[in-house]
Amino acid sequence: MSIDPVFSFEQSYRTIQSDNFLILQTRNLKDEQRWGTRYGLNFNLYLGKLYEENVALKTGIRYLKTGYKSDIDSVSTIHKFLEIPIALRYYYGSKKIRPFSELGVGFLINLNFDIDDFRNERLLHHSAFVAVGFDYNYNLDLSFYFQPIFRYHFTQTFSDIELEEHLYNIGIETGFRFKF
């Protein structure tokens, strides 16, 4: 097993769809990407060897701040979540520098949620992510890791009839692993 303090810088944005061309065009012209952050702890359970490669199950808890910049609605562009990720990590080899790939889902609780909010923000979200990276094994009990990551939120951010919005992030996660 291991525990990872994790930190991530992410470029955040959204995809939007609408049947109303004017709304869609106006929003596309007024929206920009925003830098977001994600930090927390990962817990890893190593499942042993599978086809001669190492496999790990990852979960944890993280705080994240994501969104986009908009000249139209500055109130709704920053979203704060508490995330519980579940992922499988596949290691290639067992050397000092070990490349890996990771695939997972995130279950998110919207910390901006207000039941009386006129925007109808959703309380619960889910996302999927994919990453590749590497561990640098400093010694038997400590390693550093670095991984570019892509994350897409499947849950529509608002219950809006005219506009369908989904957040996505591209970023770099880094941290260290304490093995025990």
C-alpha atoms as a PDB file:
ATOM      1  CA  MET A   1       0.000   0.000   0.000  1.00  0.00           C
ATOM      2  CA  SER A   2       0.992   3.622  -0.380  1.00  0.00           C
ATOM      3  CA  ILE A   3      -0.316   7.119   0.268  1.00  0.00           C
ATOM      4  CA  ASP A   4       0.251  10.050  -2.109  1.00  0.00           C
ATOM      5  CA  PRO A   5      -0.096  13.734  -1.374  1.00  0.00           C
ATOM      6  CA  VAL A   6      -1.091  15.071  -4.812  1.00  0.00           C
ATOM      7  CA  PHE A   7      -1.138  18.521  -6.416  1.00  0.00           C
ATOM      8  CA  SER A   8      -2.285  19.450  -9.893  1.00  0.00           C
ATOM      9  CA  PHE A   9      -2.360  22.538 -12.113  1.00  0.00           C
ATOM     10  CA  GLU A  10      -5.048  22.235 -14.749  1.00  0.00           C
ATOM     11  CA  GLN A  11      -6.299  24.222 -17.696  1.00  0.00           C
ATOM     12  CA  SER A  12     -10.081  24.196 -17.329  1.00  0.00           C
ATOM     13  CA  TYR A  13     -12.812  24.876 -19.846  1.00  0.00           C
ATOM     14  CA  ARG A  14     -16.203  23.603 -20.954  1.00  0.00           C
ATOM     15  CA  THR A  15     -18.010  22.157 -23.918  1.00  0.00           C
ATOM     16  CA  ILE A  16     -21.387  23.698 -24.699  1.00  0.00           C
ATOM     17  CA  GLN A  17     -24.242  22.585 -26.889  1.00  0.00           C
ATOM     18  CA  SER A  18     -27.512  24.313 -27.672  1.00  0.00           C
ATOM     19  CA  ASP A  19     -30.260  24.259 -30.258  1.00  0.00           C
ATOM     20  CA  ASN A  20     -30.288  28.061 -30.063  1.00  0.00           C
ATOM     21  CA  PHE A  21     -27.489  29.185 -32.404  1.00  0.00           C
ATOM     22  CA  LEU A  22     -27.448  32.765 -31.042  1.00  0.00           C
ATOM     23  CA  ILE A  23     -26.878  31.639 -27.435  1.00  0.00           C
ATOM     24  CA  LEU A  24     -24.179  29.210 -28.548  1.00  0.00           C
ATOM     25  CA  GLN A  25     -22.358  31.784 -30.690  1.00  0.00           C
ATOM     26  CA  THR A  26     -22.492  34.480 -27.965  1.00  0.00           C
ATOM     27  CA  ARG A  27     -21.133  32.130 -25.303  1.00  0.00           C
ATOM     28  CA  ASN A  28     -18.333  30.846 -27.533  1.00  0.00           C
ATOM     29  CA  LEU A  29     -17.158  34.399 -28.198  1.00  0.00           C
ATOM     30  CA  LYS A  30     -17.247  35.409 -24.514  1.00  0.00           C
ATOM     31  CA  ASP A  31     -15.685  32.334 -22.849  1.00  0.00           C
ATOM     32  CA  GLU A  32     -12.004  31.687 -22.107  1.00  0.00           C
ATOM     33  CA  GLN A  33     -10.023  28.964 -20.371  1.00  0.00           C
ATOM     34  CA  ARG A  34      -9.118  29.255 -16.685  1.00  0.00           C
ATOM     35  CA  TRP A  35      -6.328  27.741 -14.578  1.00  0.00           C
ATOM     36  CA  GLY A  36      -7.588  25.416 -11.882  1.00  0.00           C
ATOM     37  CA  THR A  37      -6.016  23.459  -9.049  1.00  0.00           C
ATOM     38  CA  ARG A  38      -6.587  20.078  -7.465  1.00  0.00           C
ATOM     39  CA  TYR A  39      -4.983  18.768  -4.279  1.00  0.00           C
ATOM     40  CA  GLY A  40      -5.533  16.021  -1.760  1.00  0.00           C
ATOM     41  CA  LEU A  41      -4.509  12.475  -0.935  1.00  0.00           C
ATOM     42  CA  ASN A  42      -4.458   9.249  -2.934  1.00  0.00           C
ATOM     43  CA  PHE A  43      -4.483   5.784  -1.385  1.00  0.00           C
ATOM     44  CA  ASN A  44      -3.023   2.963  -3.482  1.00  0.00           C
ATOM     45  CA  LEU A  45      -3.492  -0.767  -3.069  1.00  0.00           C
ATOM     46  CA  TYR A  46      -1.026  -2.790  -5.136  1.00  0.00           C
ATOM     47  CA  LEU A  47      -2.749  -5.848  -6.598  1.00  0.00           C
ATOM     48  CA  GLY A  48       0.411  -7.776  -7.377  1.00  0.00           C
ATOM     49  CA  LYS A  49       1.548  -8.997 -10.736  1.00  0.00           C
ATOM     50  CA  LEU A  50      -0.837  -9.338 -13.634  1.00  0.00           C
ATOM     51  CA  TYR A  51       0.658 -10.546 -16.902  1.00  0.00           C
ATOM     52  CA  GLU A  52       4.088  -9.796 -15.387  1.00  0.00           C
ATOM     53  CA  GLU A  53       3.222  -6.095 -14.816  1.00  0.00           C
ATOM     54  CA  ASN A  54       2.285  -4.278 -11.609  1.00  0.00           C
ATOM     55  CA  VAL A  55      -1.303  -3.133 -11.108  1.00  0.00           C
ATOM     56  CA  ALA A  56      -2.575  -0.680  -8.477  1.00  0.00           C
ATOM     57  CA  LEU A  57      -6.063   0.380  -7.428  1.00  0.00           C
ATOM     58  CA  LYS A  58      -6.209   4.089  -6.517  1.00  0.00           C
ATOM     59  CA  THR A  59      -8.764   6.026  -4.509  1.00  0.00           C
ATOM     60  CA  GLY A  60      -8.585   9.066  -2.260  1.00  0.00           C
ATOM     61  CA  ILE A  61     -10.098  12.440  -1.586  1.00  0.00           C
ATOM     62  CA  ARG A  62      -9.336  15.748  -3.304  1.00  0.00           C
ATOM     63  CA  TYR A  63     -10.466  19.354  -3.398  1.00  0.00           C
ATOM     64  CA  LEU A  64     -10.649  20.946  -6.828  1.00  0.00           C
ATOM     65  CA  LYS A  65     -11.367  24.365  -8.246  1.00  0.00           C
ATOM     66  CA  THR A  66     -12.240  24.447 -11.939  1.00  0.00           C
ATOM     67  CA  GLY A  67     -14.230  26.449 -14.437  1.00  0.00           C
ATOM     68  CA  TYR A  68     -13.891  28.971 -17.235  1.00  0.00           C
ATOM     69  CA  LYS A  69     -13.819  32.747 -17.681  1.00  0.00           C
ATOM     70  CA  SER A  70     -16.913  34.402 -19.076  1.00  0.00           C
ATOM     71  CA  ASP A  71     -17.891  38.011 -19.653  1.00  0.00           C
ATOM     72  CA  ILE A  72     -21.538  36.966 -19.543  1.00  0.00           C
ATOM     73  CA  ASP A  73     -21.918  35.259 -16.146  1.00  0.00           C
ATOM     74  CA  SER A  74     -18.996  35.719 -13.754  1.00  0.00           C
ATOM     75  CA  VAL A  75     -20.878  34.097 -10.839  1.00  0.00           C
ATOM     76  CA  SER A  76     -21.181  30.671 -12.458  1.00  0.00           C
ATOM     77  CA  THR A  77     -17.700  30.260 -13.882  1.00  0.00           C
ATOM     78  CA  ILE A  78     -15.827  28.927 -10.832  1.00  0.00           C
ATOM     79  CA  HIS A  79     -16.832  25.497  -9.598  1.00  0.00           C
ATOM     80  CA  LYS A  80     -15.536  23.892  -6.391  1.00  0.00           C
ATOM     81  CA  PHE A  81     -15.813  20.161  -5.817  1.00  0.00           C
ATOM     82  CA  LEU A  82     -14.808  17.439  -3.401  1.00  0.00           C
ATOM     83  CA  GLU A  83     -13.708  14.435  -5.492  1.00  0.00           C
ATOM     84  CA  ILE A  84     -13.358  10.743  -4.730  1.00  0.00           C
ATOM     85  CA  PRO A  85     -11.418   9.087  -7.592  1.00  0.00           C
ATOM     86  CA  ILE A  86     -11.311   5.370  -8.343  1.00  0.00           C
ATOM     87  CA  ALA A  87      -8.696   4.275 -10.871  1.00  0.00           C
ATOM     88  CA  LEU A  88      -6.551   1.413 -12.077  1.00  0.00           C
ATOM     89  CA  ARG A  89      -2.872   2.135 -12.669  1.00  0.00           C
ATOM     90  CA  TYR A  90      -0.765  -0.181 -14.810  1.00  0.00           C
ATOM     91  CA  TYR A  91       3.025  -0.092 -14.395  1.00  0.00           C
ATOM     92  CA  TYR A  92       5.401  -1.040 -17.196  1.00  0.00           C
ATOM     93  CA  GLY A  93       8.506  -2.602 -15.682  1.00  0.00           C
ATOM     94  CA  SER A  94      10.132  -2.328 -12.280  1.00  0.00           C
ATOM     95  CA  LYS A  95      13.184  -0.110 -12.748  1.00  0.00           C
ATOM     96  CA  LYS A  96      14.171   3.106 -10.980  1.00  0.00           C
ATOM     97  CA  ILE A  97      11.979   5.081 -13.407  1.00  0.00           C
ATOM     98  CA  ARG A  98       8.673   3.258 -13.991  1.00  0.00           C
ATOM     99  CA  PRO A  99       6.231   4.466 -16.656  1.00  0.00           C
ATOM    100  CA  PHE A 100       2.528   3.863 -16.048  1.00  0.00           C
ATOM    101  CA  SER A 101      -0.904   4.503 -17.489  1.00  0.00           C
ATOM    102  CA  GLU A 102      -4.044   5.185 -15.505  1.00  0.00           C
ATOM    103  CA  LEU A 103      -7.765   5.091 -16.209  1.00  0.00           C
ATOM    104  CA  GLY A 104     -10.474   6.035 -13.754  1.00  0.00           C
ATOM    105  CA  VAL A 105     -13.661   7.761 -12.717  1.00  0.00           C
ATOM    106  CA  GLY A 106     -14.280  10.538 -10.244  1.00  0.00           C
ATOM    107  CA  PHE A 107     -17.325  11.039  -8.041  1.00  0.00           C
ATOM    108  CA  LEU A 108     -17.708  14.721  -7.189  1.00  0.00           C
ATOM    109  CA  ILE A 109     -19.741  16.690  -4.651  1.00  0.00           C
ATOM    110  CA  ASN A 110     -20.449  20.259  -5.733  1.00  0.00           C
ATOM    111  CA  LEU A 111     -19.413  22.615  -2.913  1.00  0.00           C
ATOM    112  CA  ASN A 112     -21.180  25.549  -4.661  1.00  0.00           C
ATOM    113  CA  PHE A 113     -24.527  23.781  -4.460  1.00  0.00           C
ATOM    114  CA  ASP A 114     -27.404  25.866  -3.091  1.00  0.00           C
ATOM    115  CA  ILE A 115     -30.905  24.418  -3.215  1.00  0.00           C
ATOM    116  CA  ASP A 116     -32.380  27.903  -3.794  1.00  0.00           C
ATOM    117  CA  ASP A 117     -29.928  28.729  -6.602  1.00  0.00           C
ATOM    118  CA  PHE A 118     -31.694  30.021  -9.703  1.00  0.00           C
ATOM    119  CA  ARG A 119     -29.036  28.433 -11.949  1.00  0.00           C
ATOM    120  CA  ASN A 120     -29.978  24.886 -10.914  1.00  0.00           C
ATOM    121  CA  GLU A 121     -26.420  23.700 -10.290  1.00  0.00           C
ATOM    122  CA  ARG A 122     -26.179  19.969  -9.743  1.00  0.00           C
ATOM    123  CA  LEU A 123     -25.053  18.566  -6.385  1.00  0.00           C
ATOM    124  CA  LEU A 124     -23.474  15.294  -7.593  1.00  0.00           C
ATOM    125  CA  HIS A 125     -21.218  14.927 -10.624  1.00  0.00           C
ATOM    126  CA  HIS A 126     -19.154  12.175 -12.189  1.00  0.00           C
ATOM    127  CA  SER A 127     -16.143  12.371 -14.451  1.00  0.00           C
ATOM    128  CA  ALA A 128     -13.689  10.106 -16.239  1.00  0.00           C
ATOM    129  CA  PHE A 129      -9.942  10.579 -16.582  1.00  0.00           C
ATOM    130  CA  VAL A 130      -6.974   9.134 -18.361  1.00  0.00           C
ATOM    131  CA  ALA A 131      -3.292   9.726 -17.575  1.00  0.00           C
ATOM    132  CA  VAL A 132       0.173   8.536 -18.435  1.00  0.00           C
ATOM    133  CA  GLY A 133       3.212   9.257 -16.322  1.00  0.00           C
ATOM    134  CA  PHE A 134       6.156   7.870 -14.466  1.00  0.00           C
ATOM    135  CA  ASP A 135       7.381   7.148 -10.949  1.00  0.00           C
ATOM    136  CA  TYR A 136      10.925   7.904  -9.916  1.00  0.00           C
ATOM    137  CA  ASN A 137      11.780   5.480  -7.099  1.00  0.00           C
ATOM    138  CA  TYR A 138      14.042   7.385  -4.732  1.00  0.00           C
ATOM    139  CA  ASN A 139      14.295   4.398  -2.380  1.00  0.00           C
ATOM    140  CA  LEU A 140      12.113   1.428  -1.361  1.00  0.00           C
ATOM    141  CA  ASP A 141       9.678   3.562   0.657  1.00  0.00           C
ATOM    142  CA  LEU A 142       9.551   6.829  -1.314  1.00  0.00           C
ATOM    143  CA  SER A 143       8.940   7.696  -4.943  1.00  0.00           C
ATOM    144  CA  PHE A 144       8.067  10.864  -6.857  1.00  0.00           C
ATOM    145  CA  TYR A 145       5.572  10.856  -9.691  1.00  0.00           C
ATOM    146  CA  PHE A 146       4.582  13.066 -12.580  1.00  0.00           C
ATOM    147  CA  GLN A 147       1.616  12.569 -14.887  1.00  0.00           C
ATOM    148  CA  PRO A 148      -0.151  14.593 -17.566  1.00  0.00           C
ATOM    149  CA  ILE A 149      -3.904  14.000 -17.185  1.00  0.00           C
ATOM    150  CA  PHE A 150      -7.145  14.622 -19.105  1.00  0.00           C
ATOM    151  CA  ARG A 151     -10.476  14.744 -17.254  1.00  0.00           C
ATOM    152  CA  TYR A 152     -14.033  15.104 -18.638  1.00  0.00           C
ATOM    153  CA  HIS A 153     -17.148  15.753 -16.516  1.00  0.00           C
ATOM    154  CA  PHE A 154     -20.070  13.683 -17.812  1.00  0.00           C
ATOM    155  CA  THR A 155     -22.592  15.424 -15.589  1.00  0.00           C
ATOM    156  CA  GLN A 156     -24.075  18.587 -17.007  1.00  0.00           C
ATOM    157  CA  THR A 157     -23.087  21.455 -14.687  1.00  0.00           C
ATOM    158  CA  PHE A 158     -26.493  23.170 -14.719  1.00  0.00           C
ATOM    159  CA  SER A 159     -30.027  21.908 -15.337  1.00  0.00           C
ATOM    160  CA  ASP A 160     -30.516  24.402 -18.160  1.00  0.00           C
ATOM    161  CA  ILE A 161     -32.889  23.655 -21.004  1.00  0.00           C
ATOM    162  CA  GLU A 162     -31.272  26.062 -23.488  1.00  0.00           C
ATOM    163  CA  LEU A 163     -27.611  25.230 -22.878  1.00  0.00           C
ATOM    164  CA  GLU A 164     -25.836  21.932 -22.145  1.00  0.00           C
ATOM    165  CA  GLU A 165     -22.472  22.452 -20.424  1.00  0.00           C
ATOM    166  CA  HIS A 166     -19.782  19.903 -19.517  1.00  0.00           C
ATOM    167  CA  LEU A 167     -16.453  20.816 -17.889  1.00  0.00           C
ATOM    168  CA  TYR A 168     -13.103  19.343 -18.904  1.00  0.00           C
ATOM    169  CA  ASN A 169      -9.522  19.720 -17.666  1.00  0.00           C
ATOM    170  CA  ILE A 170      -6.059  19.104 -19.049  1.00  0.00           C
ATOM    171  CA  GLY A 171      -3.294  19.254 -16.478  1.00  0.00           C
ATOM    172  CA  ILE A 172      -0.185  17.992 -14.741  1.00  0.00           C
ATOM    173  CA  GLU A 173      -0.407  16.018 -11.491  1.00  0.00           C
ATOM    174  CA  THR A 174       2.645  15.629  -9.318  1.00  0.00           C
ATOM    175  CA  GLY A 175       3.435  14.365  -5.854  1.00  0.00           C
ATOM    176  CA  PHE A 176       5.239  11.671  -3.939  1.00  0.00           C
ATOM    177  CA  ARG A 177       4.349   8.193  -2.693  1.00  0.00           C
ATOM    178  CA  PHE A 178       5.064   6.856   0.766  1.00  0.00           C
ATOM    179  CA  LYS A 179       4.998   3.069   0.639  1.00  0.00           C
ATOM    180  CA  PHE A 180       4.234   0.946   3.682  1.00  0.00           C
END
